[in-house]
C-alpha atoms as a PDB file:
ATOM      1  CA  UNK A   1       0.004   0.040   0.046  1.00  0.00           C
ATOM      2  CA  UNK A   2       2.740   2.394   1.085  1.00  0.00           C
ATOM      3  CA  UNK A   3       4.605   1.657  -2.259  1.00  0.00           C
ATOM      4  CA  UNK A   4       1.542   2.291  -4.315  1.00  0.00           C
ATOM      5  CA  UNK A   5       1.070   5.889  -2.705  1.00  0.00           C
ATOM      6  CA  UNK A   6       4.953   6.440  -3.404  1.00  0.00           C
ATOM      7  CA  UNK A   7       4.437   5.717  -6.969  1.00  0.00           C
ATOM      8  CA  UNK A   8       1.366   7.929  -7.385  1.00  0.00           C
ATOM      9  CA  UNK A   9       3.353  10.824  -5.568  1.00  0.00           C
ATOM     10  CA  UNK A  10       6.326  10.080  -8.040  1.00  0.00           C
ATOM     11  CA  UNK A  11       3.864  10.091 -10.869  1.00  0.00           C
ATOM     12  CA  UNK A  12       2.347  13.478 -10.062  1.00  0.00           C
ATOM     13  CA  UNK A  13       5.675  15.285  -9.123  1.00  0.00           C
ATOM     14  CA  UNK A  14       7.053  15.564 -12.803  1.00  0.00           C
ATOM     15  CA  UNK A  15       3.611  17.140 -13.773  1.00  0.00           C
ATOM     16  CA  UNK A  16       4.230  19.917 -11.130  1.00  0.00           C
ATOM     17  CA  UNK A  17       7.855  20.195 -11.963  1.00  0.00           C
ATOM     18  CA  UNK A  18       7.514  20.713 -15.687  1.00  0.00           C
ATOM     19  CA  UNK A  19       4.694  23.374 -15.470  1.00  0.00           C
ATOM     20  CA  UNK A  20       6.074  26.936 -15.794  1.00  0.00           C
ATOM     21  CA  UNK A  21       3.916  28.749 -13.341  1.00  0.00           C
ATOM     22  CA  UNK A  22       5.856  31.957 -14.064  1.00  0.00           C
ATOM     23  CA  UNK A  23       4.473  31.873 -17.487  1.00  0.00           C
ATOM     24  CA  UNK A  24       1.148  33.757 -17.236  1.00  0.00           C
ATOM     25  CA  UNK A  25      -0.805  31.669 -19.994  1.00  0.00           C
ATOM     26  CA  UNK A  26       0.161  28.203 -18.442  1.00  0.00           C
ATOM     27  CA  UNK A  27      -0.636  29.514 -14.833  1.00  0.00           C
ATOM     28  CA  UNK A  28      -3.963  30.908 -15.882  1.00  0.00           C
ATOM     29  CA  UNK A  29      -4.835  27.773 -17.782  1.00  0.00           C
ATOM     30  CA  UNK A  30      -4.078  25.378 -14.736  1.00  0.00           C
ATOM     31  CA  UNK A  31      -5.919  27.550 -12.390  1.00  0.00           C
ATOM     32  CA  UNK A  32      -8.928  27.793 -14.638  1.00  0.00           C
ATOM     33  CA  UNK A  33      -8.893  24.072 -15.373  1.00  0.00           C
ATOM     34  CA  UNK A  34      -8.367  23.270 -11.638  1.00  0.00           C
ATOM     35  CA  UNK A  35     -11.588  25.234 -10.657  1.00  0.00           C
ATOM     36  CA  UNK A  36     -13.562  23.457 -13.401  1.00  0.00           C
ATOM     37  CA  UNK A  37     -12.467  20.063 -12.351  1.00  0.00           C
ATOM     38  CA  UNK A  38     -13.096  21.041  -8.694  1.00  0.00           C
ATOM     39  CA  UNK A  39     -16.801  21.746  -9.505  1.00  0.00           C
ATOM     40  CA  UNK A  40     -17.117  18.663 -11.752  1.00  0.00           C
ATOM     41  CA  UNK A  41     -15.612  16.604  -8.760  1.00  0.00           C
ATOM     42  CA  UNK A  42     -18.257  18.153  -6.328  1.00  0.00           C
ATOM     43  CA  UNK A  43     -21.043  17.332  -8.795  1.00  0.00           C
ATOM     44  CA  UNK A  44     -19.919  13.680  -9.229  1.00  0.00           C
ATOM     45  CA  UNK A  45     -19.685  13.172  -5.537  1.00  0.00           C
ATOM     46  CA  UNK A  46     -23.400  14.411  -5.215  1.00  0.00           C
ATOM     47  CA  UNK A  47     -24.432  11.685  -7.765  1.00  0.00           C
ATOM     48  CA  UNK A  48     -26.116   8.692  -6.146  1.00  0.00           C
ATOM     49  CA  UNK A  49     -23.854   5.538  -5.979  1.00  0.00           C
ATOM     50  CA  UNK A  50     -26.554   3.477  -7.769  1.00  0.00           C
ATOM     51  CA  UNK A  51     -25.458   5.468 -10.716  1.00  0.00           C
ATOM     52  CA  UNK A  52     -21.657   5.645 -10.263  1.00  0.00           C
ATOM     53  CA  UNK A  53     -20.321   3.133  -7.996  1.00  0.00           C
ATOM     54  CA  UNK A  54     -17.327   4.818  -6.650  1.00  0.00           C
ATOM     55  CA  UNK A  55     -17.854   3.522  -3.210  1.00  0.00           C
ATOM     56  CA  UNK A  56     -17.042   6.839  -1.172  1.00  0.00           C
ATOM     57  CA  UNK A  57     -20.147   6.542   1.105  1.00  0.00           C
ATOM     58  CA  UNK A  58     -19.258   2.950   2.074  1.00  0.00           C
ATOM     59  CA  UNK A  59     -15.715   4.090   2.631  1.00  0.00           C
ATOM     60  CA  UNK A  60     -16.815   7.112   4.850  1.00  0.00           C
ATOM     61  CA  UNK A  61     -19.212   4.988   7.003  1.00  0.00           C
ATOM     62  CA  UNK A  62     -16.566   2.251   7.469  1.00  0.00           C
ATOM     63  CA  UNK A  63     -13.840   4.822   8.427  1.00  0.00           C
ATOM     64  CA  UNK A  64     -16.313   6.817  10.756  1.00  0.00           C
ATOM     65  CA  UNK A  65     -17.423   3.719  12.531  1.00  0.00           C
ATOM     66  CA  UNK A  66     -13.797   2.323  12.888  1.00  0.00           C
ATOM     67  CA  UNK A  67     -12.541   5.682  14.034  1.00  0.00           C
ATOM     68  CA  UNK A  68     -15.251   6.233  16.668  1.00  0.00           C
ATOM     69  CA  UNK A  69     -14.647   2.670  17.935  1.00  0.00           C
ATOM     70  CA  UNK A  70     -10.817   3.278  17.938  1.00  0.00           C
ATOM     71  CA  UNK A  71     -11.145   6.523  19.931  1.00  0.00           C
ATOM     72  CA  UNK A  72     -13.637   5.011  22.342  1.00  0.00           C
ATOM     73  CA  UNK A  73     -11.263   2.150  23.127  1.00  0.00           C
ATOM     74  CA  UNK A  74      -8.616   4.802  24.141  1.00  0.00           C
ATOM     75  CA  UNK A  75     -11.029   6.691  26.267  1.00  0.00           C
ATOM     76  CA  UNK A  76     -11.802   9.482  23.850  1.00  0.00           C
ATOM     77  CA  UNK A  77     -15.473  10.248  23.195  1.00  0.00           C
ATOM     78  CA  UNK A  78     -16.069  11.323  19.709  1.00  0.00           C
ATOM     79  CA  UNK A  79     -18.781  10.949  17.099  1.00  0.00           C
ATOM     80  CA  UNK A  80     -16.166  10.681  14.223  1.00  0.00           C
ATOM     81  CA  UNK A  81     -13.018  12.243  12.974  1.00  0.00           C
ATOM     82  CA  UNK A  82     -14.685  14.586  10.489  1.00  0.00           C
ATOM     83  CA  UNK A  83     -17.918  15.141   8.591  1.00  0.00           C
ATOM     84  CA  UNK A  84     -18.544  13.634   5.292  1.00  0.00           C
ATOM     85  CA  UNK A  85     -18.833  17.177   3.617  1.00  0.00           C
ATOM     86  CA  UNK A  86     -15.262  18.044   4.745  1.00  0.00           C
ATOM     87  CA  UNK A  87     -13.791  14.902   3.551  1.00  0.00           C
ATOM     88  CA  UNK A  88     -15.621  14.972   0.181  1.00  0.00           C
ATOM     89  CA  UNK A  89     -14.702  18.542  -0.434  1.00  0.00           C
ATOM     90  CA  UNK A  90     -10.970  17.636   0.364  1.00  0.00           C
ATOM     91  CA  UNK A  91     -11.270  14.876  -2.070  1.00  0.00           C
ATOM     92  CA  UNK A  92     -12.732  17.280  -4.611  1.00  0.00           C
ATOM     93  CA  UNK A  93      -9.673  19.673  -4.119  1.00  0.00           C
ATOM     94  CA  UNK A  94      -7.349  16.652  -4.875  1.00  0.00           C
ATOM     95  CA  UNK A  95      -9.476  15.973  -8.009  1.00  0.00           C
ATOM     96  CA  UNK A  96      -9.222  19.591  -9.115  1.00  0.00           C
ATOM     97  CA  UNK A  97      -5.410  19.621  -8.645  1.00  0.00           C
ATOM     98  CA  UNK A  98      -5.070  16.282 -10.688  1.00  0.00           C
ATOM     99  CA  UNK A  99      -7.150  17.814 -13.384  1.00  0.00           C
ATOM    100  CA  UNK A 100      -5.026  20.818 -13.661  1.00  0.00           C
ATOM    101  CA  UNK A 101      -1.900  18.879 -13.732  1.00  0.00           C
ATOM    102  CA  UNK A 102      -3.116  16.662 -16.586  1.00  0.00           C
ATOM    103  CA  UNK A 103      -4.394  19.569 -18.632  1.00  0.00           C
ATOM    104  CA  UNK A 104      -1.242  20.058 -20.731  1.00  0.00           C
ATOM    105  CA  UNK A 105      -0.493  16.383 -21.107  1.00  0.00           C
ATOM    106  CA  UNK A 106      -4.064  16.010 -22.480  1.00  0.00           C
ATOM    107  CA  UNK A 107      -3.596  18.907 -24.877  1.00  0.00           C
ATOM    108  CA  UNK A 108      -0.185  17.503 -26.067  1.00  0.00           C
ATOM    109  CA  UNK A 109      -1.659  14.013 -26.517  1.00  0.00           C
ATOM    110  CA  UNK A 110      -4.500  15.344 -28.711  1.00  0.00           C
ATOM    111  CA  UNK A 111      -1.953  17.104 -30.777  1.00  0.00           C
ATOM    112  CA  UNK A 112       0.050  14.044 -31.212  1.00  0.00           C
ATOM    113  CA  UNK A 113      -2.887  12.111 -31.981  1.00  0.00           C
ATOM    114  CA  UNK A 114      -4.078  14.308 -34.554  1.00  0.00           C
ATOM    115  CA  UNK A 115      -0.781  14.511 -36.218  1.00  0.00           C
ATOM    116  CA  UNK A 116      -0.342  10.726 -36.151  1.00  0.00           C
ATOM    117  CA  UNK A 117      -3.614  10.186 -37.844  1.00  0.00           C
ATOM    118  CA  UNK A 118      -2.391  12.532 -40.690  1.00  0.00           C
ATOM    119  CA  UNK A 119       0.984  10.777 -41.089  1.00  0.00           C
ATOM    120  CA  UNK A 120      -0.596   7.281 -40.869  1.00  0.00           C
ATOM    121  CA  UNK A 121      -3.839   8.033 -42.748  1.00  0.00           C
ATOM    122  CA  UNK A 122      -2.839   5.180 -45.345  1.00  0.00           C
ATOM    123  CA  UNK A 123      -2.432   2.706 -42.749  1.00  0.00           C
ATOM    124  CA  UNK A 124      -6.247   1.889 -41.636  1.00  0.00           C
ATOM    125  CA  UNK A 125      -5.505  -0.815 -39.051  1.00  0.00           C
ATOM    126  CA  UNK A 126      -2.959   1.551 -37.230  1.00  0.00           C
ATOM    127  CA  UNK A 127      -5.390   4.407 -37.384  1.00  0.00           C
ATOM    128  CA  UNK A 128      -8.110   2.291 -36.083  1.00  0.00           C
ATOM    129  CA  UNK A 129      -5.993   1.215 -33.067  1.00  0.00           C
ATOM    130  CA  UNK A 130      -5.073   4.795 -32.387  1.00  0.00           C
ATOM    131  CA  UNK A 131      -8.706   5.946 -32.346  1.00  0.00           C
ATOM    132  CA  UNK A 132      -9.552   3.012 -29.979  1.00  0.00           C
ATOM    133  CA  UNK A 133      -6.595   4.008 -27.810  1.00  0.00           C
ATOM    134  CA  UNK A 134      -7.874   7.635 -27.667  1.00  0.00           C
ATOM    135  CA  UNK A 135     -11.469   6.621 -26.724  1.00  0.00           C
ATOM    136  CA  UNK A 136     -10.347   3.794 -24.411  1.00  0.00           C
ATOM    137  CA  UNK A 137     -10.457   6.125 -21.188  1.00  0.00           C
ATOM    138  CA  UNK A 138     -14.177   6.914 -21.953  1.00  0.00           C
ATOM    139  CA  UNK A 139     -14.857   3.110 -22.146  1.00  0.00           C
ATOM    140  CA  UNK A 140     -13.199   2.642 -18.787  1.00  0.00           C
ATOM    141  CA  UNK A 141     -15.227   5.471 -17.406  1.00  0.00           C
ATOM    142  CA  UNK A 142     -18.459   3.704 -18.429  1.00  0.00           C
ATOM    143  CA  UNK A 143     -17.419   0.575 -16.451  1.00  0.00           C
ATOM    144  CA  UNK A 144     -18.045   2.532 -13.257  1.00  0.00           C
ATOM    145  CA  UNK A 145     -21.470   3.628 -14.439  1.00  0.00           C
ATOM    146  CA  UNK A 146     -23.776   0.998 -12.808  1.00  0.00           C
ATOM    147  CA  UNK A 147     -26.881   1.070 -15.031  1.00  0.00           C
ATOM    148  CA  UNK A 148     -24.880   0.471 -18.278  1.00  0.00           C
ATOM    149  CA  UNK A 149     -22.123  -1.841 -17.012  1.00  0.00           C
ATOM    150  CA  UNK A 150     -22.659  -3.730 -13.629  1.00  0.00           C
ATOM    151  CA  UNK A 151     -26.426  -3.976 -13.948  1.00  0.00           C
ATOM    152  CA  UNK A 152     -26.241  -4.781 -17.563  1.00  0.00           C
ATOM    153  CA  UNK A 153     -23.747  -7.700 -17.157  1.00  0.00           C
ATOM    154  CA  UNK A 154     -24.287  -8.981 -13.671  1.00  0.00           C
ATOM    155  CA  UNK A 155     -28.135  -8.480 -13.080  1.00  0.00           C
ATOM    156  CA  UNK A 156     -30.053  -8.502 -16.216  1.00  0.00           C
ATOM    157  CA  UNK A 157     -30.918 -11.954 -17.449  1.00  0.00           C
ATOM    158  CA  UNK A 158     -31.231 -12.002 -21.420  1.00  0.00           C
ATOM    159  CA  UNK A 159     -33.748 -14.062 -23.371  1.00  0.00           C
ATOM    160  CA  UNK A 160     -32.909 -17.648 -23.499  1.00  0.00           C
ATOM    161  CA  UNK A 161     -30.157 -17.474 -20.802  1.00  0.00           C
ATOM    162  CA  UNK A 162     -30.241 -19.149 -17.444  1.00  0.00           C
ATOM    163  CA  UNK A 163     -28.624 -16.314 -15.590  1.00  0.00           C
ATOM    164  CA  UNK A 164     -26.590 -13.025 -16.016  1.00  0.00           C
ATOM    165  CA  UNK A 165     -23.500 -12.845 -18.252  1.00  0.00           C
ATOM    166  CA  UNK A 166     -21.148 -12.397 -15.360  1.00  0.00           C
ATOM    167  CA  UNK A 167     -20.856 -12.661 -11.694  1.00  0.00           C
ATOM    168  CA  UNK A 168     -19.853  -9.783  -9.628  1.00  0.00           C
ATOM    169  CA  UNK A 169     -16.406 -11.154  -9.066  1.00  0.00           C
ATOM    170  CA  UNK A 170     -16.048 -11.833 -12.809  1.00  0.00           C
ATOM    171  CA  UNK A 171     -16.948  -8.194 -13.488  1.00  0.00           C
ATOM    172  CA  UNK A 172     -14.394  -6.809 -11.026  1.00  0.00           C
ATOM    173  CA  UNK A 173     -11.832  -9.043 -12.853  1.00  0.00           C
ATOM    174  CA  UNK A 174     -12.938  -7.754 -16.190  1.00  0.00           C
ATOM    175  CA  UNK A 175     -12.502  -4.209 -15.108  1.00  0.00           C
ATOM    176  CA  UNK A 176      -8.931  -4.895 -13.919  1.00  0.00           C
ATOM    177  CA  UNK A 177      -8.071  -6.593 -17.159  1.00  0.00           C
ATOM    178  CA  UNK A 178      -9.657  -3.714 -19.299  1.00  0.00           C
ATOM    179  CA  UNK A 179      -7.446  -1.156 -17.531  1.00  0.00           C
ATOM    180  CA  UNK A 180      -4.340  -3.246 -18.053  1.00  0.00           C
ATOM    181  CA  UNK A 181      -5.160  -3.697 -21.685  1.00  0.00           C
ATOM    182  CA  UNK A 182      -5.692  -0.079 -22.213  1.00  0.00           C
ATOM    183  CA  UNK A 183      -2.265   0.729 -20.629  1.00  0.00           C
ATOM    184  CA  UNK A 184      -0.638  -1.803 -22.837  1.00  0.00           C
ATOM    185  CA  UNK A 185      -2.235  -0.657 -25.983  1.00  0.00           C
ATOM    186  CA  UNK A 186      -1.098   3.012 -25.282  1.00  0.00           C
ATOM    187  CA  UNK A 187       2.420   1.803 -24.621  1.00  0.00           C
ATOM    188  CA  UNK A 188       2.268  -0.190 -27.755  1.00  0.00           C
ATOM    189  CA  UNK A 189       1.339   2.964 -29.753  1.00  0.00           C
ATOM    190  CA  UNK A 190       3.902   5.314 -27.899  1.00  0.00           C
ATOM    191  CA  UNK A 191       6.529   5.183 -30.498  1.00  0.00           C
ATOM    192  CA  UNK A 192       4.090   6.212 -33.139  1.00  0.00           C
ATOM    193  CA  UNK A 193       3.061   9.354 -30.998  1.00  0.00           C
ATOM    194  CA  UNK A 194       6.415  10.287 -30.081  1.00  0.00           C
ATOM    195  CA  UNK A 195       7.441  10.195 -33.807  1.00  0.00           C
ATOM    196  CA  UNK A 196       4.603  12.424 -34.539  1.00  0.00           C
ATOM    197  CA  UNK A 197       5.769  14.838 -32.049  1.00  0.00           C
ATOM    198  CA  UNK A 198       9.367  14.604 -33.560  1.00  0.00           C
ATOM    199  CA  UNK A 199       7.811  15.623 -36.894  1.00  0.00           C
ATOM    200  CA  UNK A 200       7.035  18.941 -35.411  1.00  0.00           C
ATOM    201  CA  UNK A 201      10.787  19.842 -36.502  1.00  0.00           C
ATOM    202  CA  UNK A 202       9.824  19.220 -40.115  1.00  0.00           C
ATOM    203  CA  UNK A 203       6.812  21.301 -39.775  1.00  0.00           C
ATOM    204  CA  UNK A 204       8.592  24.191 -38.159  1.00  0.00           C
ATOM    205  CA  UNK A 205      11.369  24.137 -40.992  1.00  0.00           C
ATOM    206  CA  UNK A 206       8.629  24.101 -43.645  1.00  0.00           C
ATOM    207  CA  UNK A 207       6.888  27.082 -41.861  1.00  0.00           C
ATOM    208  CA  UNK A 208       9.997  29.018 -41.936  1.00  0.00           C
ATOM    209  CA  UNK A 209      10.576  28.416 -45.679  1.00  0.00           C
ATOM    210  CA  UNK A 210       7.265  30.323 -46.295  1.00  0.00           C
ATOM    211  CA  UNK A 211       8.160  33.306 -44.163  1.00  0.00           C
ATOM    212  CA  UNK A 212      10.070  36.265 -45.647  1.00  0.00           C
ATOM    213  CA  UNK A 213      13.227  37.682 -43.965  1.00  0.00           C
ATOM    214  CA  UNK A 214      16.511  36.195 -42.790  1.00  0.00           C
ATOM    215  CA  UNK A 215      17.496  33.920 -39.829  1.00  0.00           C
ATOM    216  CA  UNK A 216      20.851  32.926 -38.663  1.00  0.00           C
ATOM    217  CA  UNK A 217      21.919  29.216 -38.565  1.00  0.00           C
ATOM    218  CA  UNK A 218      22.253  29.521 -34.747  1.00  0.00           C
ATOM    219  CA  UNK A 219      18.571  30.595 -34.441  1.00  0.00           C
ATOM    220  CA  UNK A 220      17.445  27.943 -37.039  1.00  0.00           C
ATOM    221  CA  UNK A 221      19.273  25.130 -35.003  1.00  0.00           C
ATOM    222  CA  UNK A 222      17.715  26.429 -31.768  1.00  0.00           C
ATOM    223  CA  UNK A 223      14.214  26.154 -33.196  1.00  0.00           C
ATOM    224  CA  UNK A 224      14.800  22.574 -34.467  1.00  0.00           C
ATOM    225  CA  UNK A 225      16.762  21.442 -31.434  1.00  0.00           C
ATOM    226  CA  UNK A 226      14.014  22.810 -29.104  1.00  0.00           C
ATOM    227  CA  UNK A 227      11.617  19.987 -30.337  1.00  0.00           C
ATOM    228  CA  UNK A 228      14.266  17.177 -29.566  1.00  0.00           C
ATOM    229  CA  UNK A 229      15.055  18.737 -26.090  1.00  0.00           C
ATOM    230  CA  UNK A 230      11.239  18.686 -25.165  1.00  0.00           C
ATOM    231  CA  UNK A 231      11.037  15.017 -26.117  1.00  0.00           C
ATOM    232  CA  UNK A 232      11.676  13.892 -22.591  1.00  0.00           C
ATOM    233  CA  UNK A 233       8.911  16.140 -21.086  1.00  0.00           C
ATOM    234  CA  UNK A 234       6.486  14.593 -23.773  1.00  0.00           C
ATOM    235  CA  UNK A 235       7.487  11.196 -22.869  1.00  0.00           C
ATOM    236  CA  UNK A 236       6.743  11.967 -19.122  1.00  0.00           C
ATOM    237  CA  UNK A 237       3.435  13.426 -20.065  1.00  0.00           C
ATOM    238  CA  UNK A 238       2.557  10.220 -21.993  1.00  0.00           C
ATOM    239  CA  UNK A 239       3.639   7.694 -19.498  1.00  0.00           C
ATOM    240  CA  UNK A 240       2.863   9.262 -16.143  1.00  0.00           C
ATOM    241  CA  UNK A 241      -0.891   9.237 -16.570  1.00  0.00           C
ATOM    242  CA  UNK A 242      -0.706   5.534 -17.518  1.00  0.00           C
ATOM    243  CA  UNK A 243       1.325   4.817 -14.369  1.00  0.00           C
ATOM    244  CA  UNK A 244      -1.189   6.814 -12.284  1.00  0.00           C
ATOM    245  CA  UNK A 245      -3.908   4.933 -13.792  1.00  0.00           C
ATOM    246  CA  UNK A 246      -2.578   1.512 -13.475  1.00  0.00           C
ATOM    247  CA  UNK A 247      -1.358   1.911  -9.882  1.00  0.00           C
ATOM    248  CA  UNK A 248      -4.633   3.334  -8.694  1.00  0.00           C
ATOM    249  CA  UNK A 249      -6.449   0.070  -9.758  1.00  0.00           C
ATOM    250  CA  UNK A 250      -5.750  -2.200  -6.899  1.00  0.00           C
ATOM    251  CA  UNK A 251      -9.227  -3.271  -5.837  1.00  0.00           C
ATOM    252  CA  UNK A 252      -8.396  -6.821  -6.426  1.00  0.00           C
ATOM    253  CA  UNK A 253      -5.393  -6.983  -4.259  1.00  0.00           C
ATOM    254  CA  UNK A 254      -6.501  -4.434  -1.746  1.00  0.00           C
ATOM    255  CA  UNK A 255      -6.976  -6.771   0.925  1.00  0.00           C
ATOM    256  CA  UNK A 256      -3.391  -8.128   0.891  1.00  0.00           C
ATOM    257  CA  UNK A 257      -1.920  -4.440   0.575  1.00  0.00           C
ATOM    258  CA  UNK A 258      -4.179  -3.322   3.456  1.00  0.00           C
ATOM    259  CA  UNK A 259      -3.038  -5.972   5.632  1.00  0.00           C
ATOM    260  CA  UNK A 260       0.533  -4.966   5.051  1.00  0.00           C
ATOM    261  CA  UNK A 261      -0.205  -1.417   5.659  1.00  0.00           C
ATOM    262  CA  UNK A 262      -1.994  -2.322   9.016  1.00  0.00           C
ATOM    263  CA  UNK A 263       0.745  -4.508  10.141  1.00  0.00           C
ATOM    264  CA  UNK A 264       3.355  -1.578   9.517  1.00  0.00           C
ATOM    265  CA  UNK A 265       1.184   0.953  11.315  1.00  0.00           C
ATOM    266  CA  UNK A 266      -0.053  -1.177  14.219  1.00  0.00           C
ATOM    267  CA  UNK A 267      -2.914   0.154  15.985  1.00  0.00           C
ATOM    268  CA  UNK A 268      -4.312   2.039  12.952  1.00  0.00           C
ATOM    269  CA  UNK A 269      -5.281  -1.103  11.230  1.00  0.00           C
ATOM    270  CA  UNK A 270      -8.560  -0.698  13.091  1.00  0.00           C
ATOM    271  CA  UNK A 271      -9.275   2.564  11.401  1.00  0.00           C
ATOM    272  CA  UNK A 272      -8.177   2.183   7.669  1.00  0.00           C
ATOM    273  CA  UNK A 273     -10.409  -1.022   6.670  1.00  0.00           C
ATOM    274  CA  UNK A 274     -10.570  -2.568   3.281  1.00  0.00           C
ATOM    275  CA  UNK A 275     -13.724  -0.593   2.465  1.00  0.00           C
ATOM    276  CA  UNK A 276     -11.962   2.711   2.964  1.00  0.00           C
ATOM    277  CA  UNK A 277      -9.070   1.688   0.520  1.00  0.00           C
ATOM    278  CA  UNK A 278     -11.782   0.541  -2.023  1.00  0.00           C
ATOM    279  CA  UNK A 279     -13.394   3.832  -1.886  1.00  0.00           C
ATOM    280  CA  UNK A 280     -10.279   5.999  -2.073  1.00  0.00           C
ATOM    281  CA  UNK A 281      -8.673   3.901  -4.812  1.00  0.00           C
ATOM    282  CA  UNK A 282     -12.122   3.720  -6.894  1.00  0.00           C
ATOM    283  CA  UNK A 283     -12.297   7.373  -6.933  1.00  0.00           C
ATOM    284  CA  UNK A 284      -8.844   7.660  -7.888  1.00  0.00           C
ATOM    285  CA  UNK A 285      -9.211   5.118 -10.725  1.00  0.00           C
ATOM    286  CA  UNK A 286     -12.458   6.530 -12.034  1.00  0.00           C
ATOM    287  CA  UNK A 287     -11.343  10.220 -11.808  1.00  0.00           C
ATOM    288  CA  UNK A 288      -7.999   9.489 -13.533  1.00  0.00           C
ATOM    289  CA  UNK A 289      -9.741   7.950 -16.514  1.00  0.00           C
ATOM    290  CA  UNK A 290     -12.403  10.581 -16.768  1.00  0.00           C
ATOM    291  CA  UNK A 291      -9.736  13.405 -16.622  1.00  0.00           C
ATOM    292  CA  UNK A 292      -7.565  11.741 -19.305  1.00  0.00           C
ATOM    293  CA  UNK A 293     -10.359  11.499 -21.669  1.00  0.00           C
ATOM    294  CA  UNK A 294     -11.732  14.985 -20.753  1.00  0.00           C
ATOM    295  CA  UNK A 295      -8.453  16.612 -21.291  1.00  0.00           C
ATOM    296  CA  UNK A 296      -7.785  14.760 -24.484  1.00  0.00           C
ATOM    297  CA  UNK A 297     -11.276  15.649 -26.005  1.00  0.00           C
ATOM    298  CA  UNK A 298     -10.652  19.444 -25.022  1.00  0.00           C
ATOM    299  CA  UNK A 299      -7.340  19.083 -26.863  1.00  0.00           C
ATOM    300  CA  UNK A 300      -8.933  17.553 -29.953  1.00  0.00           C
ATOM    301  CA  UNK A 301     -11.574  20.331 -29.884  1.00  0.00           C
ATOM    302  CA  UNK A 302      -8.857  23.013 -29.924  1.00  0.00           C
ATOM    303  CA  UNK A 303      -6.993  21.213 -32.613  1.00  0.00           C
ATOM    304  CA  UNK A 304     -10.219  20.789 -34.857  1.00  0.00           C
ATOM    305  CA  UNK A 305     -11.814  23.941 -34.414  1.00  0.00           C
ATOM    306  CA  UNK A 306      -9.844  26.773 -32.513  1.00  0.00           C
ATOM    307  CA  UNK A 307      -6.674  26.131 -34.357  1.00  0.00           C
ATOM    308  CA  UNK A 308      -8.369  26.060 -37.725  1.00  0.00           C
ATOM    309  CA  UNK A 309     -10.210  29.230 -37.075  1.00  0.00           C
END
């Protein structure tokens, strides 16, 4: 459990370090997107869990009961450590921060996807895989929407069938496998996307040829080299969301990791139960998938309409 938290932290830190908050445009964009995602996160937490099965209510109930019991055993009278509103608002702030950090990676990903489709328009199968990879976060988001996923696969009995298509355990395994497949697909297409980014150097050169005036060799080399220098940042923006998404999804192994965490922290094992971790990481998994798709879709909108205009 502790190692998973460390990996998540190291996945988020590069996003913070590569954002130039001294630059007015980037700072303003991050602040605006952070506020937007904060409002969206607050709205999501209001939705009944019969629709989006994140599990926060069960997590809070379990945490509140176990914490009250723990405090009572140590002679401290309390009705609970904190109200549900405070905890949900704190989680919404974290969701807004994550959304602001994933804004520029999403915009970059949309640009690379658009360029990759142009460069590989003759290769229909590769273009199809790229489009599936681009839309895959939306498919993962739908797996947490109960009426169109769990109820449809584990409750509804189709005509001629003796029972539902899946058991609840099989559905949980299917969600886990789906996330792993999406991550592997994106890693498989990573060379294509990075190559589409490197082709920006050629685009800059062609643009300079159409401009009037003179430019020194040193300035020309700087413009071209800047693309290659920034490749490491683009790679981080591509890989880190996948790491964050994959590490968050530990619902199938949460019991084992929770036990290790409890043994390490001794008496706190009575407070941080399995339901608490399932709720927190359920929110983290769903929100990461949603944010990745939302930022990618925003980037594609900018590429298709605003840039053309």
